[in-house]
């Protein structure tokens, strides 16, 4: 795994570095990016373009047939990319979907097949250890030349995406483990185990489909969650249970102390692969490049203090970036639905509340059906433990995962609001 060495160009304490600390992360909106670092770096000297030499930090790993990293080396390097590939083209090659593309990259066919095989091995090992394979599709929102939303649909991924994902996860784990044992100043990606109370609430719902997250009094194992996800894979409950489990988990953050990553079922984990858009990655690159200097110059304690500060700031900026990105997506979804008022759709109940229920359409657009828009005179009792609504006259129930038919009655992009009504 070769990553552009951004730390070579962004010197510690420089104006670029101070601004990057304040921003913490790049923010990705639908039609623009608010970058952590200037585009002259991200699209220029720090972009691994084909046919040119680029400075990089390389994580070189030897992996056995069981997906275990046998040996590894993390070192500075100079690389020259031969071909810059896209997920689309790699997917076409792996699945023989386009003869012209396959012929164009025929010389690399064996490499792609080897990468595919290794990614399968790595993923299988992770699943056995408890990796949470949450299959919750993201939204792909298409804008016209004026920035108006003209289409919303699930973002489609292929195994080509999975290959890079598995390779990055492995590199991140390898880097984190090495520098943990070196006791180096470091920023880890931490994801702690969920609270027992939240697991109990989730189990109350799972009970009704004959499932249960098995936990002990002293510890919660990721495997207990991943087993449930594998059992419901391909069933009508897959999306619902994946969403419930996601809401049960804690939010990952950055810390200077290693506490493991529950969702990846990893004892050591960090973010190493995106130094151009995340400050913790940039800090880690700097530690890798200058660790011996820090030891020789007696700067370890100083860098440990900075790791704590940067981890805290980066976590805060990440939360802000996530909110901005979600808000921009909600605005465009509401904008897309503004001219759909009066149209009817089938959807799935995605959430139950004390004032109604949310329904998600196949496009990933979600809207609220308030009690007054149930189109019935019946009163519904909100059963919080079961995440269910029960009619007080007929016993009619609505629960997460139910298929319903709705009509769009309101959409406002300024308020980021979409309302539905039920069709009897």
Protein backbone atom coordinates (compact mmCIF):
# COMPACT_ATOMS: atom_id res chain seq x y z
CA UNK A 1 0.00 0.00 0.00
CA UNK A 2 1.59 3.25 -1.17
CA UNK A 3 0.32 6.59 0.16
CA UNK A 4 1.56 10.02 -0.99
CA UNK A 5 3.96 11.48 1.57
CA UNK A 6 2.08 14.69 2.35
CA UNK A 7 4.18 15.31 5.47
CA UNK A 8 7.22 16.02 3.25
CA UNK A 9 5.47 19.09 1.84
CA UNK A 10 3.46 20.19 4.88
CA UNK A 11 6.13 20.96 7.42
CA UNK A 12 5.34 20.85 11.14
CA UNK A 13 4.48 24.31 12.46
CA UNK A 14 4.16 25.90 9.00
CA UNK A 15 1.20 28.06 8.01
CA UNK A 16 -0.12 25.14 5.96
CA UNK A 17 0.15 22.88 8.99
CA UNK A 18 -1.56 25.33 11.36
CA UNK A 19 -4.46 25.76 8.94
CA UNK A 20 -4.75 21.99 8.50
CA UNK A 21 -4.96 21.57 12.30
CA UNK A 22 -7.82 24.08 12.45
CA UNK A 23 -9.73 22.36 9.63
CA UNK A 24 -8.98 18.82 10.78
CA UNK A 25 -10.58 17.22 7.74
CA UNK A 26 -11.83 17.94 4.26
CA UNK A 27 -15.59 18.41 3.94
CA UNK A 28 -17.24 16.67 1.00
CA UNK A 29 -20.44 18.28 -0.16
CA UNK A 30 -22.35 17.23 -3.26
CA UNK A 31 -20.91 19.66 -5.77
CA UNK A 32 -17.81 20.91 -3.99
CA UNK A 33 -15.08 20.10 -1.51
CA UNK A 34 -13.85 22.31 1.31
CA UNK A 35 -10.31 20.91 1.43
CA UNK A 36 -8.07 20.54 4.44
CA UNK A 37 -5.08 21.36 2.24
CA UNK A 38 -4.78 23.34 -1.03
CA UNK A 39 -5.72 21.61 -4.27
CA UNK A 40 -2.22 22.38 -5.56
CA UNK A 41 -1.12 19.59 -3.22
CA UNK A 42 -4.09 17.21 -3.43
CA UNK A 43 -4.38 17.37 -7.22
CA UNK A 44 -0.75 18.12 -7.89
CA UNK A 45 2.45 16.96 -6.25
CA UNK A 46 0.64 14.69 -3.73
CA UNK A 47 -1.53 13.01 -6.34
CA UNK A 48 -0.23 9.64 -7.48
CA UNK A 49 -0.66 10.38 -11.17
CA UNK A 50 0.43 7.89 -13.80
CA UNK A 51 3.84 8.26 -15.41
CA UNK A 52 5.48 10.59 -12.86
CA UNK A 53 7.64 10.01 -9.79
CA UNK A 54 5.97 10.72 -6.46
CA UNK A 55 7.22 10.66 -2.88
CA UNK A 56 5.28 8.16 -0.80
CA UNK A 57 5.18 6.23 2.46
CA UNK A 58 4.81 2.54 1.71
CA UNK A 59 3.40 -0.16 3.96
CA UNK A 60 4.82 -3.37 2.47
CA UNK A 61 3.17 -6.51 3.82
CA UNK A 62 3.59 -10.22 3.32
CA UNK A 63 0.22 -11.92 3.92
CA UNK A 64 -0.30 -15.66 4.24
CA UNK A 65 -3.15 -17.78 2.87
CA UNK A 66 -5.19 -17.22 6.05
CA UNK A 67 -5.03 -13.42 5.70
CA UNK A 68 -2.50 -12.87 8.49
CA UNK A 69 0.26 -10.30 8.04
CA UNK A 70 3.47 -12.35 8.40
CA UNK A 71 6.03 -9.59 7.89
CA UNK A 72 5.76 -5.88 7.23
CA UNK A 73 7.91 -2.83 6.53
CA UNK A 74 6.89 0.82 6.64
CA UNK A 75 9.30 3.01 4.73
CA UNK A 76 9.71 6.15 2.60
CA UNK A 77 9.64 5.46 -1.12
CA UNK A 78 9.41 6.92 -4.59
CA UNK A 79 6.78 5.35 -6.81
CA UNK A 80 5.66 5.79 -10.39
CA UNK A 81 2.11 4.67 -11.16
CA UNK A 82 1.85 2.79 -14.46
CA UNK A 83 -1.93 2.95 -14.86
CA UNK A 84 -4.46 5.00 -12.92
CA UNK A 85 -7.51 2.75 -12.63
CA UNK A 86 -11.16 3.34 -11.75
CA UNK A 87 -13.47 1.12 -9.72
CA UNK A 88 -15.71 0.85 -12.78
CA UNK A 89 -12.97 -0.45 -15.06
CA UNK A 90 -11.62 -2.90 -12.47
CA UNK A 91 -15.12 -4.29 -11.93
CA UNK A 92 -15.53 -4.74 -15.69
CA UNK A 93 -12.21 -6.59 -15.85
CA UNK A 94 -12.92 -8.89 -12.90
CA UNK A 95 -16.38 -9.79 -14.20
CA UNK A 96 -15.59 -9.74 -17.95
CA UNK A 97 -18.23 -7.08 -18.59
CA UNK A 98 -16.41 -5.15 -21.30
CA UNK A 99 -14.14 -6.84 -23.83
CA UNK A 100 -12.50 -3.58 -24.89
CA UNK A 101 -11.55 -2.67 -21.29
CA UNK A 102 -10.34 -6.23 -20.62
CA UNK A 103 -8.09 -6.16 -23.67
CA UNK A 104 -6.75 -2.70 -22.83
CA UNK A 105 -5.53 -3.89 -19.42
CA UNK A 106 -4.77 -7.50 -20.36
CA UNK A 107 -1.17 -7.20 -19.13
CA UNK A 108 -2.45 -6.61 -15.59
CA UNK A 109 -5.16 -9.30 -15.54
CA UNK A 110 -3.15 -11.66 -13.31
CA UNK A 111 -2.50 -8.82 -10.83
CA UNK A 112 -6.18 -7.94 -10.60
CA UNK A 113 -7.15 -11.58 -10.05
CA UNK A 114 -4.51 -11.90 -7.32
CA UNK A 115 -5.83 -8.73 -5.64
CA UNK A 116 -9.37 -10.08 -5.83
CA UNK A 117 -8.32 -13.38 -4.24
CA UNK A 118 -6.43 -11.64 -1.45
CA UNK A 119 -9.33 -9.28 -0.69
CA UNK A 120 -11.66 -12.27 -0.32
CA UNK A 121 -9.18 -13.90 2.08
CA UNK A 122 -8.80 -10.73 4.15
CA UNK A 123 -12.53 -10.16 4.35
CA UNK A 124 -13.24 -13.76 5.33
CA UNK A 125 -10.69 -13.55 8.15
CA UNK A 126 -12.26 -10.33 9.39
CA UNK A 127 -15.74 -11.82 9.36
CA UNK A 128 -14.51 -14.80 11.40
CA UNK A 129 -13.03 -12.39 13.95
CA UNK A 130 -16.22 -10.31 14.20
CA UNK A 131 -15.89 -7.58 11.57
CA UNK A 132 -19.27 -5.83 11.30
CA UNK A 133 -20.22 -5.96 7.64
CA UNK A 134 -22.98 -3.33 7.78
CA UNK A 135 -24.57 -3.16 4.35
CA UNK A 136 -26.22 0.27 4.52
CA UNK A 137 -26.14 1.96 1.11
CA UNK A 138 -25.11 5.58 0.81
CA UNK A 139 -26.99 7.99 -1.42
CA UNK A 140 -25.83 9.11 -4.84
CA UNK A 141 -27.35 12.49 -5.64
CA UNK A 142 -27.01 13.83 -9.17
CA UNK A 143 -27.07 17.58 -9.75
CA UNK A 144 -27.62 19.43 -13.02
CA UNK A 145 -25.37 22.22 -14.29
CA UNK A 146 -27.21 24.69 -12.05
CA UNK A 147 -26.67 22.57 -8.94
CA UNK A 148 -30.29 21.37 -8.75
CA UNK A 149 -30.89 17.78 -7.60
CA UNK A 150 -32.28 15.76 -10.52
CA UNK A 151 -31.79 12.22 -9.25
CA UNK A 152 -31.37 10.34 -5.98
CA UNK A 153 -30.53 6.66 -5.75
CA UNK A 154 -28.42 4.23 -3.70
CA UNK A 155 -24.70 4.48 -4.36
CA UNK A 156 -23.69 1.25 -6.03
CA UNK A 157 -20.45 -0.43 -4.98
CA UNK A 158 -18.74 -3.49 -6.42
CA UNK A 159 -16.03 -5.84 -5.22
CA UNK A 160 -13.52 -3.46 -6.80
CA UNK A 161 -14.39 -1.07 -3.95
CA UNK A 162 -14.02 -3.92 -1.48
CA UNK A 163 -10.49 -4.69 -2.69
CA UNK A 164 -9.23 -1.22 -1.82
CA UNK A 165 -11.23 -1.21 1.43
CA UNK A 166 -9.64 -4.46 2.64
CA UNK A 167 -6.15 -3.36 1.64
CA UNK A 168 -6.54 -0.02 3.45
CA UNK A 169 -7.91 -1.69 6.59
CA UNK A 170 -4.92 -4.04 6.65
CA UNK A 171 -2.41 -1.23 6.17
CA UNK A 172 -4.06 0.85 8.91
CA UNK A 173 -3.93 -2.08 11.34
CA UNK A 174 -0.31 -2.87 10.49
CA UNK A 175 0.87 0.71 11.00
CA UNK A 176 -1.09 1.08 14.26
CA UNK A 177 0.29 -2.15 15.73
CA UNK A 178 3.90 -1.36 14.89
CA UNK A 179 3.86 2.09 16.46
CA UNK A 180 1.88 0.88 19.46
CA UNK A 181 4.69 -1.50 20.36
CA UNK A 182 7.26 1.24 19.71
CA UNK A 183 5.31 3.33 22.26
CA UNK A 184 5.49 6.20 19.78
CA UNK A 185 3.39 9.37 20.00
CA UNK A 186 0.37 8.39 17.94
CA UNK A 187 -3.26 9.04 17.07
CA UNK A 188 -5.45 5.94 17.04
CA UNK A 189 -8.90 5.47 15.58
CA UNK A 190 -10.89 4.29 18.59
CA UNK A 191 -14.27 2.57 18.57
CA UNK A 192 -15.29 1.28 21.98
CA UNK A 193 -17.78 -1.49 22.69
CA UNK A 194 -21.46 -0.45 22.95
CA UNK A 195 -23.31 0.05 26.22
CA UNK A 196 -25.25 -2.87 27.72
CA UNK A 197 -28.43 -0.79 27.90
CA UNK A 198 -28.45 -0.19 24.15
CA UNK A 199 -27.83 -3.87 23.47
CA UNK A 200 -30.77 -4.79 25.71
CA UNK A 201 -33.01 -2.39 23.78
CA UNK A 202 -31.91 -3.90 20.46
CA UNK A 203 -32.43 -7.42 21.78
CA UNK A 204 -36.06 -6.59 22.63
CA UNK A 205 -36.66 -6.03 18.95
CA UNK A 206 -34.56 -8.99 17.80
CA UNK A 207 -36.51 -11.28 20.12
CA UNK A 208 -39.55 -11.00 17.83
CA UNK A 209 -37.64 -12.49 14.90
CA UNK A 210 -36.00 -15.16 17.01
CA UNK A 211 -32.57 -13.52 17.25
CA UNK A 212 -30.43 -12.27 20.12
CA UNK A 213 -27.06 -10.58 20.53
CA UNK A 214 -25.20 -12.84 22.95
CA UNK A 215 -23.18 -10.90 25.54
CA UNK A 216 -21.41 -11.84 28.75
CA UNK A 217 -21.36 -9.88 31.98
CA UNK A 218 -17.71 -8.92 31.58
CA UNK A 219 -17.29 -8.35 27.86
CA UNK A 220 -19.07 -7.69 24.60
CA UNK A 221 -17.59 -9.38 21.55
CA UNK A 222 -17.94 -8.02 17.98
CA UNK A 223 -18.55 -11.61 16.82
CA UNK A 224 -21.91 -11.59 18.61
CA UNK A 225 -23.00 -8.72 16.34
CA UNK A 226 -21.44 -10.06 13.14
CA UNK A 227 -23.12 -13.46 13.64
CA UNK A 228 -26.53 -11.75 13.65
CA UNK A 229 -25.65 -9.79 10.51
CA UNK A 230 -24.60 -12.96 8.70
CA UNK A 231 -27.76 -14.81 9.78
CA UNK A 232 -30.11 -12.14 8.40
CA UNK A 233 -28.09 -11.49 5.22
CA UNK A 234 -30.36 -11.69 2.18
CA UNK A 235 -33.55 -11.69 4.26
CA UNK A 236 -36.23 -9.00 4.51
CA UNK A 237 -34.72 -7.96 7.84
CA UNK A 238 -31.20 -7.27 6.55
CA UNK A 239 -31.46 -3.50 6.13
CA UNK A 240 -33.54 -3.04 9.28
CA UNK A 241 -31.22 -5.03 11.54
CA UNK A 242 -28.13 -3.40 10.02
CA UNK A 243 -29.60 0.02 10.82
CA UNK A 244 -30.57 -1.03 14.36
CA UNK A 245 -27.10 -2.38 15.08
CA UNK A 246 -25.51 0.77 13.67
CA UNK A 247 -27.58 2.85 16.10
CA UNK A 248 -26.52 0.57 18.95
CA UNK A 249 -22.83 1.21 18.32
CA UNK A 250 -20.84 4.11 19.71
CA UNK A 251 -19.35 6.78 17.46
CA UNK A 252 -15.70 6.25 16.52
CA UNK A 253 -13.23 9.00 17.43
CA UNK A 254 -9.53 9.81 17.58
CA UNK A 255 -7.44 9.31 20.70
CA UNK A 256 -3.76 9.30 21.63
CA UNK A 257 -4.36 6.07 23.58
CA UNK A 258 -5.05 2.79 21.84
CA UNK A 259 -8.42 1.29 22.84
CA UNK A 260 -9.08 -0.91 19.82
CA UNK A 261 -11.79 -0.73 17.19
CA UNK A 262 -14.95 -2.68 17.96
CA UNK A 263 -16.59 -2.38 14.53
CA UNK A 264 -13.56 -3.72 12.70
CA UNK A 265 -12.83 -6.25 15.45
CA UNK A 266 -9.29 -4.93 15.54
CA UNK A 267 -7.00 -4.57 18.54
CA UNK A 268 -4.90 -1.87 16.83
CA UNK A 269 -6.26 0.62 14.35
CA UNK A 270 -5.46 4.06 12.96
CA UNK A 271 -6.08 6.24 9.92
CA UNK A 272 -2.94 6.20 7.78
CA UNK A 273 -4.21 6.18 4.20
CA UNK A 274 -5.61 9.71 3.66
CA UNK A 275 -3.13 12.36 4.87
CA UNK A 276 -4.32 14.86 2.26
CA UNK A 277 -7.81 15.02 3.78
CA UNK A 278 -7.48 13.98 7.46
CA UNK A 279 -5.09 15.52 9.96
CA UNK A 280 -4.58 12.36 12.10
CA UNK A 281 -3.22 10.61 9.00
CA UNK A 282 -0.85 13.52 8.36
CA UNK A 283 0.33 13.43 11.99
CA UNK A 284 0.98 9.69 11.71
CA UNK A 285 3.00 10.20 8.50
CA UNK A 286 5.08 12.78 10.35
CA UNK A 287 5.70 10.37 13.23
CA UNK A 288 6.74 7.63 10.80
CA UNK A 289 9.15 9.96 9.00
CA UNK A 290 10.67 11.60 12.10
CA UNK A 291 10.27 9.10 14.96
CA UNK A 292 14.02 8.56 15.33
CA UNK A 293 14.58 12.32 15.33
CA UNK A 294 11.98 12.73 18.09
CA UNK A 295 13.78 10.10 20.19
CA UNK A 296 17.23 11.60 19.59
CA UNK A 297 16.05 15.17 20.26
CA UNK A 298 14.03 14.26 23.35
CA UNK A 299 10.72 15.37 21.78
CA UNK A 300 8.66 12.27 22.54
CA UNK A 301 6.81 13.84 25.47
CA UNK A 302 6.08 17.00 23.44
CA UNK A 303 4.71 14.95 20.54
CA UNK A 304 2.57 12.89 22.93
CA UNK A 305 0.99 16.11 24.17
CA UNK A 306 0.39 17.21 20.59
CA UNK A 307 -1.13 13.82 19.75
CA UNK A 308 -3.69 14.28 22.53
CA UNK A 309 -4.53 17.81 21.40
CA UNK A 310 -4.74 16.95 17.70
CA UNK A 311 -6.87 13.86 18.41
CA UNK A 312 -9.36 15.98 20.34
CA UNK A 313 -9.46 18.73 17.71
CA UNK A 314 -9.75 16.23 14.85
CA UNK A 315 -12.66 14.45 16.53
CA UNK A 316 -14.45 17.79 16.98
CA UNK A 317 -13.87 18.85 13.38
CA UNK A 318 -14.97 15.43 12.13
CA UNK A 319 -18.30 15.82 13.93
CA UNK A 320 -18.80 19.25 12.33
CA UNK A 321 -17.86 17.92 8.88
CA UNK A 322 -20.24 14.97 9.22
CA UNK A 323 -23.12 17.28 10.16
CA UNK A 324 -22.40 19.62 7.24
CA UNK A 325 -22.25 16.72 4.79
CA UNK A 326 -25.50 15.22 6.09
CA UNK A 327 -27.26 18.59 6.06
CA UNK A 328 -26.22 19.25 2.46
CA UNK A 329 -27.50 15.82 1.49
CA UNK A 330 -30.81 16.40 3.28
CA UNK A 331 -31.21 19.76 1.53
CA UNK A 332 -30.76 18.18 -1.89
CA UNK A 333 -33.07 15.26 -1.11
CA UNK A 334 -35.80 17.68 -0.06
CA UNK A 335 -35.12 19.75 -3.17
CA UNK A 336 -35.47 16.63 -5.32
CA UNK A 337 -38.84 15.82 -3.72
CA UNK A 338 -40.32 19.33 -4.01
CA UNK A 339 -41.86 18.61 -7.41
CA UNK A 340 -42.94 15.11 -6.30
CA UNK A 341 -45.72 16.33 -3.97
CA UNK A 342 -48.82 14.26 -4.66
CA UNK A 343 -46.87 11.28 -6.03
CA UNK A 344 -47.19 7.85 -4.46
CA UNK A 345 -44.41 5.42 -3.56
CA UNK A 346 -43.79 2.20 -1.69
CA UNK A 347 -41.27 2.34 1.13
CA UNK A 348 -40.06 0.68 4.31
CA UNK A 349 -40.59 1.90 7.85
CA UNK A 350 -37.09 2.93 8.92
CA UNK A 351 -37.77 4.37 12.37
CA UNK A 352 -40.58 4.56 14.93
CA UNK A 353 -41.03 7.61 17.16
CA UNK A 354 -43.50 9.01 19.66
CA UNK A 355 -44.96 11.31 17.00
CA UNK A 356 -45.13 8.99 13.99
CA UNK A 357 -42.75 7.00 11.85
CA UNK A 358 -40.11 7.56 9.21
CA UNK A 359 -40.40 5.82 5.86
CA UNK A 360 -37.46 5.29 3.52
CA UNK A 361 -38.04 4.98 -0.21
CA UNK A 362 -35.95 2.74 -2.51
CA UNK A 363 -34.15 5.90 -3.65
CA UNK A 364 -32.84 6.38 -0.03
CA UNK A 365 -35.08 9.46 0.43
CA UNK A 366 -36.63 9.42 3.91
CA UNK A 367 -39.75 11.23 5.07
CA UNK A 368 -41.87 11.52 8.21
CA UNK A 369 -45.44 10.24 8.53
CA UNK A 370 -46.97 12.02 11.51
CA UNK A 371 -49.87 10.43 13.38
CA UNK A 372 -52.28 12.98 11.89
CA UNK A 373 -51.23 11.75 8.43
CA UNK A 374 -52.01 8.08 9.09
CA UNK A 375 -55.45 8.68 7.48
CA UNK A 376 -57.29 6.87 10.24
CA UNK A 377 -59.27 7.91 13.30
CA UNK A 378 -57.58 5.18 15.30
CA UNK A 379 -55.16 6.14 18.05
CA UNK A 380 -51.74 4.45 17.94
CA UNK A 381 -49.81 3.59 21.08
CA UNK A 382 -46.03 3.95 20.87
CA UNK A 383 -44.27 0.87 22.28
CA UNK A 384 -40.73 2.17 22.69
CA UNK A 385 -39.22 -1.13 23.81
CA UNK A 386 -40.51 -2.93 20.73
CA UNK A 387 -40.06 0.04 18.37
CA UNK A 388 -43.65 -0.53 17.34
CA UNK A 389 -46.95 1.36 16.96
CA UNK A 390 -50.13 -0.51 17.96
CA UNK A 391 -53.65 0.63 17.08
CA UNK A 392 -55.94 0.84 20.13
CA UNK A 393 -59.04 -0.34 18.20
CA UNK A 394 -57.96 -2.83 15.55
CA UNK A 395 -54.58 -3.84 16.95
CA UNK A 396 -52.99 -2.78 13.67
CA UNK A 397 -49.21 -2.60 14.09
CA UNK A 398 -46.41 -0.73 12.39
CA UNK A 399 -42.82 -1.76 13.06
CA UNK A 400 -39.40 -1.15 11.57
CA UNK A 401 -39.07 -3.01 8.28
CA UNK A 402 -42.77 -2.98 7.37
CA UNK A 403 -43.60 -2.14 3.77
CA UNK A 404 -46.05 0.72 3.40
CA UNK A 405 -47.46 2.89 0.64
CA UNK A 406 -47.18 6.64 1.02
CA UNK A 407 -47.99 9.89 -0.73
CA UNK A 408 -45.65 12.88 -0.66
CA UNK A 409 -47.48 15.83 0.93
CA UNK A 410 -44.69 18.30 1.71
CA UNK A 411 -41.05 18.97 0.85
CA UNK A 412 -39.00 22.03 1.75
CA UNK A 413 -35.28 22.24 1.08
CA UNK A 414 -34.75 25.27 3.31
CA UNK A 415 -36.12 23.33 6.29
CA UNK A 416 -34.58 20.03 5.08
CA UNK A 417 -38.00 18.50 5.63
CA UNK A 418 -40.05 15.85 3.79
CA UNK A 419 -43.50 14.70 4.96
CA UNK A 420 -45.53 11.72 3.80
CA UNK A 421 -49.04 10.45 4.43
CA UNK A 422 -50.09 6.84 4.55
CA UNK A 423 -52.33 5.46 1.83
CA UNK A 424 -54.85 3.03 3.25
